[in-house]
Amino acid sequence: MKINLGSGNRPIIGYENIDIQERVNPDLVCDITTGLPYADNSVDEVRAFDFLEHIERDDVINVITEIWRVLRPGGRFESFTPDAEFGQGFMQDPTHRSPWVENSWLYYSDEAHRNLYGIEANFQIDKIERVSDESRVYHLYVQATKREVA
């Protein structure tokens, strides 16, 4: 099982395409801030491209924890967000609610940072790459693997 969060008008074949907007005709209409309808450890891959920045800041920890909950141990999580540290991509869009920078991922991967707020989600960050285009919009591409909490 592979899921594509915030699929919008970009569904991916082979994924369960999920969006909160019924008008984009996703496979599943779902508000992830209220949870995902999957059992613990049941999903092989979660893709969240141009999605996390649209989540309200107060909901971000719960959303990342929900993604972690449904992923199987060793499951893959891919994220693509505007890099709020570089370029104008985050600030130019009035629908962006939570900024993401490279160090944001410490709170979901580093024990000391996770413990600051009691964050259960525990990822091994396999790759963080800054990607840019000609419009001065920079994105962070993150590839992570689910770790079990010890």
N, C-alpha and C. Protein backbone atom coordinates (compact mmCIF):
# COMPACT_ATOMS: atom_id res chain seq x y z
N MET A 1 0.85 -1.18 0.00
CA MET A 1 0.00 0.00 0.00
C MET A 1 0.88 1.24 0.00
N LYS A 2 0.62 2.13 -0.95
CA LYS A 2 1.33 3.40 -1.03
C LYS A 2 0.28 4.51 -1.09
N ILE A 3 0.52 5.59 -0.34
CA ILE A 3 -0.44 6.69 -0.34
C ILE A 3 0.24 7.99 -0.74
N ASN A 4 -0.56 8.82 -1.42
CA ASN A 4 -0.13 10.12 -1.93
C ASN A 4 -1.00 11.18 -1.26
N LEU A 5 -0.43 11.87 -0.27
CA LEU A 5 -1.19 12.87 0.50
C LEU A 5 -1.26 14.19 -0.24
N GLY A 6 -2.44 14.80 -0.23
CA GLY A 6 -2.62 16.08 -0.91
C GLY A 6 -2.45 15.94 -2.40
N SER A 7 -3.05 14.92 -2.97
CA SER A 7 -2.84 14.60 -4.39
C SER A 7 -3.31 15.70 -5.32
N GLY A 8 -4.33 16.45 -4.93
CA GLY A 8 -4.82 17.53 -5.77
C GLY A 8 -5.10 17.04 -7.18
N ASN A 9 -4.68 17.81 -8.16
CA ASN A 9 -4.87 17.45 -9.57
C ASN A 9 -3.71 16.61 -10.11
N ARG A 10 -2.91 16.03 -9.20
CA ARG A 10 -1.75 15.24 -9.61
C ARG A 10 -1.79 13.83 -9.02
N PRO A 11 -2.82 13.06 -9.36
CA PRO A 11 -2.86 11.69 -8.84
C PRO A 11 -1.73 10.85 -9.43
N ILE A 12 -1.32 9.84 -8.68
CA ILE A 12 -0.24 8.97 -9.13
C ILE A 12 -0.79 7.54 -9.22
N ILE A 13 -0.59 6.92 -10.36
CA ILE A 13 -1.02 5.53 -10.55
C ILE A 13 -0.21 4.65 -9.60
N GLY A 14 -0.89 3.71 -8.96
CA GLY A 14 -0.24 2.81 -8.02
C GLY A 14 -0.27 3.30 -6.59
N TYR A 15 -0.80 4.49 -6.37
CA TYR A 15 -0.93 5.07 -5.03
C TYR A 15 -2.41 5.27 -4.72
N GLU A 16 -2.75 5.24 -3.44
CA GLU A 16 -4.06 5.69 -2.98
C GLU A 16 -3.92 7.21 -2.88
N ASN A 17 -4.61 7.93 -3.75
CA ASN A 17 -4.50 9.39 -3.81
C ASN A 17 -5.51 10.00 -2.84
N ILE A 18 -5.00 10.78 -1.90
CA ILE A 18 -5.81 11.33 -0.81
C ILE A 18 -5.78 12.85 -0.87
N ASP A 19 -6.95 13.46 -0.72
CA ASP A 19 -7.03 14.91 -0.68
C ASP A 19 -8.27 15.29 0.14
N ILE A 20 -8.24 16.46 0.73
CA ILE A 20 -9.38 16.95 1.50
C ILE A 20 -10.46 17.54 0.58
N GLN A 21 -10.07 17.87 -0.65
CA GLN A 21 -10.99 18.50 -1.60
C GLN A 21 -11.65 17.46 -2.50
N GLU A 22 -12.93 17.28 -2.33
CA GLU A 22 -13.69 16.33 -3.13
C GLU A 22 -13.65 16.69 -4.62
N ARG A 23 -13.57 17.98 -4.93
CA ARG A 23 -13.62 18.44 -6.32
C ARG A 23 -12.48 17.93 -7.18
N VAL A 24 -11.34 17.49 -6.57
CA VAL A 24 -10.22 16.98 -7.36
C VAL A 24 -10.33 15.47 -7.60
N ASN A 25 -11.43 14.88 -7.10
CA ASN A 25 -11.74 13.47 -7.34
C ASN A 25 -10.63 12.51 -6.89
N PRO A 26 -10.21 12.61 -5.62
CA PRO A 26 -9.19 11.68 -5.13
C PRO A 26 -9.80 10.29 -4.90
N ASP A 27 -8.94 9.32 -4.69
CA ASP A 27 -9.42 7.98 -4.33
C ASP A 27 -10.10 8.01 -2.96
N LEU A 28 -9.59 8.89 -2.08
CA LEU A 28 -10.12 9.01 -0.73
C LEU A 28 -10.15 10.48 -0.34
N VAL A 29 -11.33 10.96 0.06
CA VAL A 29 -11.44 12.31 0.62
C VAL A 29 -11.19 12.17 2.11
N CYS A 30 -10.18 12.88 2.62
CA CYS A 30 -9.79 12.72 4.02
C CYS A 30 -9.09 13.96 4.52
N ASP A 31 -9.44 14.37 5.72
CA ASP A 31 -8.73 15.44 6.42
C ASP A 31 -7.71 14.75 7.32
N ILE A 32 -6.47 14.74 6.92
CA ILE A 32 -5.44 14.00 7.66
C ILE A 32 -5.25 14.53 9.07
N THR A 33 -5.64 15.78 9.33
CA THR A 33 -5.49 16.31 10.69
C THR A 33 -6.38 15.58 11.67
N THR A 34 -7.38 14.85 11.17
CA THR A 34 -8.23 14.04 12.05
C THR A 34 -7.83 12.57 12.01
N GLY A 35 -6.79 12.23 11.26
CA GLY A 35 -6.28 10.87 11.21
C GLY A 35 -6.43 10.22 9.84
N LEU A 36 -5.71 9.15 9.65
CA LEU A 36 -5.78 8.36 8.43
C LEU A 36 -6.49 7.04 8.73
N PRO A 37 -7.32 6.55 7.81
CA PRO A 37 -8.10 5.34 8.07
C PRO A 37 -7.33 4.05 7.76
N TYR A 38 -6.12 3.95 8.26
CA TYR A 38 -5.29 2.78 8.03
C TYR A 38 -4.80 2.24 9.37
N ALA A 39 -4.59 0.94 9.42
CA ALA A 39 -4.07 0.32 10.64
C ALA A 39 -2.61 0.72 10.86
N ASP A 40 -2.18 0.62 12.09
CA ASP A 40 -0.77 0.86 12.42
C ASP A 40 0.10 -0.05 11.55
N ASN A 41 1.23 0.47 11.10
CA ASN A 41 2.24 -0.32 10.40
C ASN A 41 1.70 -1.02 9.15
N SER A 42 0.79 -0.38 8.43
CA SER A 42 0.14 -1.05 7.29
C SER A 42 0.49 -0.44 5.92
N VAL A 43 1.23 0.65 5.90
CA VAL A 43 1.51 1.36 4.65
C VAL A 43 3.00 1.24 4.34
N ASP A 44 3.33 0.95 3.08
CA ASP A 44 4.72 0.81 2.66
C ASP A 44 5.39 2.15 2.37
N GLU A 45 4.60 3.09 1.83
CA GLU A 45 5.19 4.36 1.40
C GLU A 45 4.16 5.48 1.52
N VAL A 46 4.63 6.64 1.99
CA VAL A 46 3.80 7.84 2.04
C VAL A 46 4.54 8.92 1.27
N ARG A 47 3.81 9.55 0.38
CA ARG A 47 4.35 10.65 -0.43
C ARG A 47 3.55 11.91 -0.08
N ALA A 48 4.25 12.98 0.25
CA ALA A 48 3.61 14.25 0.62
C ALA A 48 4.34 15.37 -0.11
N PHE A 49 3.96 15.62 -1.35
CA PHE A 49 4.61 16.64 -2.16
C PHE A 49 3.72 17.88 -2.20
N ASP A 50 4.31 19.03 -1.83
CA ASP A 50 3.56 20.29 -1.76
C ASP A 50 2.31 20.12 -0.91
N PHE A 51 2.49 19.52 0.24
CA PHE A 51 1.38 19.20 1.14
C PHE A 51 1.60 19.73 2.56
N LEU A 52 2.72 19.40 3.18
CA LEU A 52 2.92 19.72 4.59
C LEU A 52 2.86 21.22 4.89
N GLU A 53 3.29 22.04 3.95
CA GLU A 53 3.26 23.49 4.18
C GLU A 53 1.84 24.05 4.26
N HIS A 54 0.85 23.26 3.86
CA HIS A 54 -0.55 23.68 3.91
C HIS A 54 -1.23 23.28 5.23
N ILE A 55 -0.50 22.58 6.09
CA ILE A 55 -1.02 22.15 7.39
C ILE A 55 -0.78 23.26 8.41
N GLU A 56 -1.79 23.56 9.21
CA GLU A 56 -1.63 24.57 10.26
C GLU A 56 -0.51 24.16 11.20
N ARG A 57 0.27 25.14 11.65
CA ARG A 57 1.42 24.84 12.53
C ARG A 57 1.03 24.01 13.74
N ASP A 58 -0.14 24.28 14.33
CA ASP A 58 -0.57 23.54 15.52
C ASP A 58 -0.87 22.07 15.22
N ASP A 59 -1.06 21.72 13.96
CA ASP A 59 -1.39 20.35 13.58
C ASP A 59 -0.21 19.55 13.04
N VAL A 60 0.92 20.20 12.80
CA VAL A 60 2.04 19.55 12.11
C VAL A 60 2.56 18.33 12.87
N ILE A 61 2.81 18.44 14.15
CA ILE A 61 3.36 17.29 14.90
C ILE A 61 2.41 16.12 14.83
N ASN A 62 1.11 16.36 14.97
CA ASN A 62 0.13 15.26 14.90
C ASN A 62 0.08 14.64 13.51
N VAL A 63 0.19 15.44 12.46
CA VAL A 63 0.17 14.92 11.10
C VAL A 63 1.40 14.04 10.84
N ILE A 64 2.58 14.51 11.23
CA ILE A 64 3.80 13.71 11.03
C ILE A 64 3.71 12.43 11.86
N THR A 65 3.17 12.52 13.06
CA THR A 65 3.02 11.32 13.90
C THR A 65 2.04 10.34 13.27
N GLU A 66 0.99 10.84 12.64
CA GLU A 66 0.01 9.97 11.97
C GLU A 66 0.65 9.27 10.76
N ILE A 67 1.45 9.99 10.01
CA ILE A 67 2.18 9.39 8.89
C ILE A 67 3.08 8.28 9.42
N TRP A 68 3.81 8.56 10.48
CA TRP A 68 4.71 7.58 11.09
C TRP A 68 3.92 6.36 11.60
N ARG A 69 2.76 6.60 12.20
CA ARG A 69 1.94 5.52 12.75
C ARG A 69 1.54 4.51 11.69
N VAL A 70 1.09 4.99 10.53
CA VAL A 70 0.58 4.07 9.51
C VAL A 70 1.70 3.39 8.72
N LEU A 71 2.89 3.99 8.68
CA LEU A 71 4.00 3.36 7.95
C LEU A 71 4.47 2.11 8.67
N ARG A 72 4.81 1.11 7.89
CA ARG A 72 5.40 -0.11 8.47
C ARG A 72 6.84 0.22 8.86
N PRO A 73 7.42 -0.52 9.81
CA PRO A 73 8.84 -0.32 10.13
C PRO A 73 9.67 -0.47 8.85
N GLY A 74 10.55 0.47 8.60
CA GLY A 74 11.34 0.47 7.38
C GLY A 74 10.62 1.10 6.20
N GLY A 75 9.35 1.52 6.41
CA GLY A 75 8.59 2.15 5.34
C GLY A 75 9.17 3.51 4.99
N ARG A 76 8.89 3.94 3.77
CA ARG A 76 9.49 5.17 3.24
C ARG A 76 8.51 6.33 3.25
N PHE A 77 9.03 7.49 3.65
CA PHE A 77 8.29 8.74 3.65
C PHE A 77 9.07 9.72 2.78
N GLU A 78 8.39 10.30 1.78
CA GLU A 78 9.00 11.31 0.93
C GLU A 78 8.20 12.60 1.06
N SER A 79 8.92 13.69 1.25
CA SER A 79 8.30 15.00 1.40
C SER A 79 8.97 15.99 0.46
N PHE A 80 8.18 16.94 -0.04
CA PHE A 80 8.68 18.00 -0.90
C PHE A 80 7.94 19.26 -0.48
N THR A 81 8.66 20.18 0.15
CA THR A 81 8.05 21.42 0.66
C THR A 81 8.88 22.62 0.22
N PRO A 82 8.25 23.79 0.09
CA PRO A 82 9.06 24.99 -0.15
C PRO A 82 10.04 25.17 1.01
N ASP A 83 11.25 25.52 0.71
CA ASP A 83 12.27 25.76 1.72
C ASP A 83 12.10 27.19 2.22
N ALA A 84 11.62 27.34 3.44
CA ALA A 84 11.34 28.67 3.99
C ALA A 84 12.61 29.46 4.27
N GLU A 85 13.75 28.79 4.26
CA GLU A 85 15.01 29.47 4.53
C GLU A 85 15.59 30.13 3.27
N PHE A 86 15.26 29.60 2.11
CA PHE A 86 15.82 30.09 0.85
C PHE A 86 14.70 30.40 -0.13
N GLY A 87 14.86 31.46 -0.88
CA GLY A 87 13.90 31.77 -1.93
C GLY A 87 12.59 32.31 -1.40
N GLN A 88 11.64 32.42 -2.27
CA GLN A 88 10.37 33.04 -1.93
C GLN A 88 9.19 32.07 -1.96
N GLY A 89 9.44 30.82 -2.20
CA GLY A 89 8.37 29.84 -2.38
C GLY A 89 7.41 29.72 -1.22
N PHE A 90 7.92 29.77 0.01
CA PHE A 90 7.01 29.64 1.15
C PHE A 90 6.15 30.88 1.31
N MET A 91 6.77 32.05 1.26
CA MET A 91 6.06 33.29 1.57
C MET A 91 5.11 33.75 0.46
N GLN A 92 5.34 33.35 -0.77
CA GLN A 92 4.51 33.89 -1.86
C GLN A 92 3.11 33.31 -1.91
N ASP A 93 2.90 32.15 -1.33
CA ASP A 93 1.61 31.47 -1.44
C ASP A 93 0.78 31.73 -0.18
N PRO A 94 -0.37 32.40 -0.31
CA PRO A 94 -1.18 32.74 0.88
C PRO A 94 -1.81 31.52 1.55
N THR A 95 -1.74 30.34 0.93
CA THR A 95 -2.32 29.15 1.55
C THR A 95 -1.30 28.36 2.37
N HIS A 96 -0.05 28.80 2.40
CA HIS A 96 0.97 28.10 3.18
C HIS A 96 0.81 28.46 4.66
N ARG A 97 0.81 27.46 5.50
CA ARG A 97 0.55 27.64 6.93
C ARG A 97 1.72 27.27 7.84
N SER A 98 2.60 26.39 7.38
CA SER A 98 3.73 25.98 8.22
C SER A 98 5.02 26.01 7.42
N PRO A 99 6.00 26.75 7.91
CA PRO A 99 7.29 26.82 7.21
C PRO A 99 8.13 25.58 7.50
N TRP A 100 8.90 25.16 6.51
CA TRP A 100 9.80 24.01 6.65
C TRP A 100 11.20 24.43 6.24
N VAL A 101 12.15 24.10 7.09
CA VAL A 101 13.57 24.29 6.80
C VAL A 101 14.25 22.96 7.09
N GLU A 102 15.49 22.84 6.68
CA GLU A 102 16.20 21.58 6.88
C GLU A 102 16.17 21.13 8.34
N ASN A 103 16.38 22.05 9.28
CA ASN A 103 16.41 21.68 10.69
C ASN A 103 15.05 21.31 11.26
N SER A 104 13.97 21.58 10.54
CA SER A 104 12.64 21.14 11.01
C SER A 104 12.61 19.64 11.20
N TRP A 105 13.37 18.93 10.39
CA TRP A 105 13.35 17.47 10.42
C TRP A 105 14.05 16.89 11.63
N LEU A 106 14.83 17.70 12.36
CA LEU A 106 15.46 17.22 13.60
C LEU A 106 14.41 16.79 14.62
N TYR A 107 13.26 17.44 14.61
CA TYR A 107 12.22 17.15 15.60
C TYR A 107 11.51 15.82 15.35
N TYR A 108 11.82 15.20 14.23
CA TYR A 108 11.22 13.91 13.89
C TYR A 108 12.29 12.83 13.68
N SER A 109 13.56 13.18 13.98
CA SER A 109 14.63 12.21 13.73
C SER A 109 15.69 12.15 14.82
N ASP A 110 15.89 13.22 15.53
CA ASP A 110 16.94 13.30 16.55
C ASP A 110 16.31 13.14 17.93
N GLU A 111 16.84 12.22 18.72
CA GLU A 111 16.22 11.90 20.01
C GLU A 111 16.11 13.12 20.93
N ALA A 112 17.15 13.93 21.02
CA ALA A 112 17.10 15.10 21.90
C ALA A 112 16.00 16.07 21.47
N HIS A 113 15.88 16.32 20.17
CA HIS A 113 14.85 17.22 19.68
C HIS A 113 13.46 16.61 19.85
N ARG A 114 13.32 15.33 19.57
CA ARG A 114 12.02 14.65 19.73
C ARG A 114 11.57 14.72 21.19
N ASN A 115 12.50 14.53 22.10
CA ASN A 115 12.17 14.52 23.53
C ASN A 115 11.74 15.88 24.06
N LEU A 116 12.14 16.97 23.39
CA LEU A 116 11.73 18.31 23.83
C LEU A 116 10.21 18.42 23.92
N TYR A 117 9.51 17.79 22.98
CA TYR A 117 8.05 17.91 22.91
C TYR A 117 7.34 16.56 23.00
N GLY A 118 8.08 15.52 23.35
CA GLY A 118 7.47 14.19 23.46
C GLY A 118 6.96 13.67 22.12
N ILE A 119 7.68 13.94 21.05
CA ILE A 119 7.25 13.53 19.72
C ILE A 119 7.53 12.05 19.53
N GLU A 120 6.49 11.31 19.21
CA GLU A 120 6.61 9.86 19.02
C GLU A 120 7.24 9.50 17.68
N ALA A 121 6.89 10.24 16.63
CA ALA A 121 7.40 9.95 15.29
C ALA A 121 8.93 9.90 15.32
N ASN A 122 9.48 8.87 14.69
CA ASN A 122 10.92 8.65 14.74
C ASN A 122 11.37 8.17 13.37
N PHE A 123 11.98 9.08 12.62
CA PHE A 123 12.44 8.77 11.27
C PHE A 123 13.96 8.83 11.19
N GLN A 124 14.48 7.98 10.35
CA GLN A 124 15.88 8.11 9.93
C GLN A 124 15.84 8.93 8.66
N ILE A 125 16.53 10.07 8.65
CA ILE A 125 16.55 10.92 7.46
C ILE A 125 17.63 10.36 6.54
N ASP A 126 17.21 9.85 5.41
CA ASP A 126 18.13 9.24 4.46
C ASP A 126 18.70 10.27 3.48
N LYS A 127 17.91 11.31 3.21
CA LYS A 127 18.35 12.30 2.23
C LYS A 127 17.58 13.60 2.44
N ILE A 128 18.29 14.71 2.43
CA ILE A 128 17.68 16.04 2.35
C ILE A 128 18.41 16.76 1.23
N GLU A 129 17.64 17.24 0.29
CA GLU A 129 18.23 17.89 -0.87
C GLU A 129 17.48 19.18 -1.17
N ARG A 130 18.21 20.26 -1.36
CA ARG A 130 17.59 21.52 -1.74
C ARG A 130 17.51 21.57 -3.26
N VAL A 131 16.31 21.80 -3.76
CA VAL A 131 16.05 21.79 -5.20
C VAL A 131 15.53 23.17 -5.58
N SER A 132 16.03 23.73 -6.69
CA SER A 132 15.55 25.05 -7.11
C SER A 132 15.13 25.02 -8.57
N ASP A 133 14.37 26.05 -8.93
CA ASP A 133 14.02 26.23 -10.34
C ASP A 133 14.33 27.67 -10.72
N GLU A 134 14.01 28.04 -11.91
CA GLU A 134 14.36 29.37 -12.41
C GLU A 134 13.57 30.50 -11.75
N SER A 135 12.52 30.19 -11.03
CA SER A 135 11.68 31.23 -10.44
C SER A 135 12.09 31.61 -9.02
N ARG A 136 13.28 31.23 -8.59
CA ARG A 136 13.78 31.50 -7.24
C ARG A 136 12.98 30.78 -6.17
N VAL A 137 12.30 29.72 -6.54
CA VAL A 137 11.58 28.90 -5.58
C VAL A 137 12.45 27.70 -5.24
N TYR A 138 12.78 27.57 -3.97
CA TYR A 138 13.57 26.45 -3.50
C TYR A 138 12.67 25.50 -2.71
N HIS A 139 12.89 24.22 -2.90
CA HIS A 139 12.15 23.19 -2.17
C HIS A 139 13.13 22.30 -1.42
N LEU A 140 12.63 21.67 -0.38
CA LEU A 140 13.38 20.63 0.32
C LEU A 140 12.76 19.30 -0.06
N TYR A 141 13.58 18.42 -0.62
CA TYR A 141 13.16 17.05 -0.88
C TYR A 141 13.73 16.21 0.25
N VAL A 142 12.86 15.51 0.96
CA VAL A 142 13.29 14.70 2.09
C VAL A 142 12.85 13.26 1.85
N GLN A 143 13.77 12.36 2.09
CA GLN A 143 13.49 10.94 2.01
C GLN A 143 13.84 10.38 3.39
N ALA A 144 12.89 9.70 4.02
CA ALA A 144 13.08 9.21 5.37
C ALA A 144 12.53 7.79 5.51
N THR A 145 13.02 7.08 6.50
CA THR A 145 12.60 5.72 6.79
C THR A 145 12.07 5.66 8.22
N LYS A 146 10.97 4.95 8.41
CA LYS A 146 10.38 4.83 9.74
C LYS A 146 11.26 3.96 10.64
N ARG A 147 11.57 4.51 11.81
CA ARG A 147 12.25 3.75 12.86
C ARG A 147 11.23 3.49 13.97
N GLU A 148 11.38 2.41 14.64
CA GLU A 148 10.56 2.14 15.81
C GLU A 148 11.12 2.92 17.00
N VAL A 149 10.24 3.34 17.90
CA VAL A 149 10.67 3.99 19.12
C VAL A 149 11.20 2.92 20.05
N ALA A 150 12.37 3.16 20.61
CA ALA A 150 12.99 2.17 21.52
C ALA A 150 12.32 2.18 22.86
